[in-house]
Amino acid sequence: QGRLRSSLLVLDEPLTHLDRSGRVAVGKLLNSLVRDPENHLSTVIVILQEFSELEESFSHIDLVEKTNGYSTVTPSIDKPYNSFQDF
């Protein structure tokens, strides 16, 4: 076991080529990793072209959008989103 422990996990397009059940399974796995205190994982950054079933797996999601070279952060609310179309 290594000595370094990160509290951050960054994933780039982890849902590519997965069907709905695969995307849901990845979301549940990531959620369980964050909730397990032995993992010391507190933040998951997921880079996606299209947000999907992954949003159902977390209670807090901050949306970061980059447009014309500028990033905008939309902070989460304290309940799961039904869809980012709500923004």
Protein backbone atom coordinates (compact mmCIF):
# COMPACT_ATOMS: atom_id res chain seq x y z
CA GLN A 1 0.00 0.00 0.00
CA GLY A 2 1.34 3.39 -1.00
CA ARG A 3 1.90 6.26 1.38
CA LEU A 4 0.23 8.94 -0.71
CA ARG A 5 -3.54 9.19 -0.62
CA SER A 6 -5.43 11.53 -2.86
CA SER A 7 -8.81 12.98 -2.01
CA LEU A 8 -9.38 13.82 -5.69
CA LEU A 9 -10.28 11.58 -8.62
CA VAL A 10 -10.34 12.98 -12.17
CA LEU A 11 -11.97 10.98 -14.97
CA ASP A 12 -12.05 12.01 -18.62
CA GLU A 13 -15.03 10.60 -20.54
CA PRO A 14 -15.48 7.47 -18.36
CA LEU A 15 -18.93 6.73 -19.81
CA THR A 16 -17.93 6.56 -23.48
CA HIS A 17 -19.35 3.48 -25.24
CA LEU A 18 -21.32 2.35 -22.18
CA ASP A 19 -25.02 1.58 -22.29
CA ARG A 20 -27.43 2.96 -19.70
CA SER A 21 -26.87 0.15 -17.20
CA GLY A 22 -23.10 0.59 -17.52
CA ARG A 23 -23.36 4.34 -16.91
CA VAL A 24 -25.54 3.75 -13.86
CA ALA A 25 -23.08 1.15 -12.53
CA VAL A 26 -20.16 3.59 -12.91
CA GLY A 27 -22.15 6.25 -11.06
CA LYS A 28 -22.92 3.89 -8.19
CA LEU A 29 -19.26 2.83 -8.00
CA LEU A 30 -18.05 6.44 -7.86
CA ASN A 31 -20.63 7.29 -5.22
CA SER A 32 -19.56 4.33 -3.08
CA LEU A 33 -15.91 5.38 -3.40
CA VAL A 34 -16.72 8.87 -2.13
CA ARG A 35 -18.86 7.57 0.74
CA ASP A 36 -16.30 4.99 1.95
CA PRO A 37 -14.19 6.73 4.64
CA GLU A 38 -11.28 4.35 4.07
CA ASN A 39 -10.79 5.74 0.55
CA HIS A 40 -10.15 9.34 1.72
CA LEU A 41 -11.81 10.42 -1.54
CA SER A 42 -13.83 13.61 -1.21
CA THR A 43 -14.01 14.99 -4.75
CA VAL A 44 -14.72 13.39 -8.12
CA ILE A 45 -14.23 15.47 -11.26
CA VAL A 46 -15.81 13.92 -14.32
CA ILE A 47 -15.30 15.41 -17.77
CA LEU A 48 -18.22 14.65 -20.07
CA GLN A 49 -19.52 15.91 -23.39
CA GLU A 50 -23.04 14.93 -22.39
CA PHE A 51 -24.30 14.52 -18.86
CA SER A 52 -26.42 11.44 -18.34
CA GLU A 53 -27.39 8.93 -15.66
CA LEU A 54 -24.29 9.80 -13.66
CA GLU A 55 -26.09 12.79 -12.17
CA GLU A 56 -28.52 10.44 -10.40
CA SER A 57 -25.67 9.00 -8.33
CA PHE A 58 -24.67 12.13 -6.42
CA SER A 59 -26.41 14.51 -4.06
CA HIS A 60 -24.17 17.52 -4.90
CA ILE A 61 -23.02 18.42 -8.38
CA ASP A 62 -21.34 21.62 -9.53
CA LEU A 63 -21.57 22.27 -13.25
CA VAL A 64 -18.54 23.87 -14.94
CA GLU A 65 -19.11 25.07 -18.49
CA LYS A 66 -16.51 26.59 -20.77
CA THR A 67 -17.74 28.89 -23.51
CA ASN A 68 -15.62 31.20 -25.66
CA GLY A 69 -12.59 30.68 -23.42
CA TYR A 70 -14.40 31.50 -20.17
CA SER A 71 -15.48 29.05 -17.48
CA THR A 72 -18.71 29.40 -15.56
CA VAL A 73 -19.45 27.43 -12.39
CA THR A 74 -23.02 26.71 -11.37
CA PRO A 75 -22.96 25.50 -7.74
CA SER A 76 -25.09 22.56 -6.74
CA ILE A 77 -28.18 22.50 -4.65
CA ASP A 78 -28.66 20.06 -1.75
CA LYS A 79 -30.70 17.51 -3.68
CA PRO A 80 -30.09 15.40 -6.77
CA TYR A 81 -30.82 16.98 -10.12
CA ASN A 82 -33.44 15.54 -12.41
CA SER A 83 -31.70 17.10 -15.37
CA PHE A 84 -29.24 19.88 -16.04
CA GLN A 85 -31.90 21.32 -18.29
CA ASP A 86 -33.18 22.87 -15.06
CA PHE A 87 -30.42 25.48 -15.29
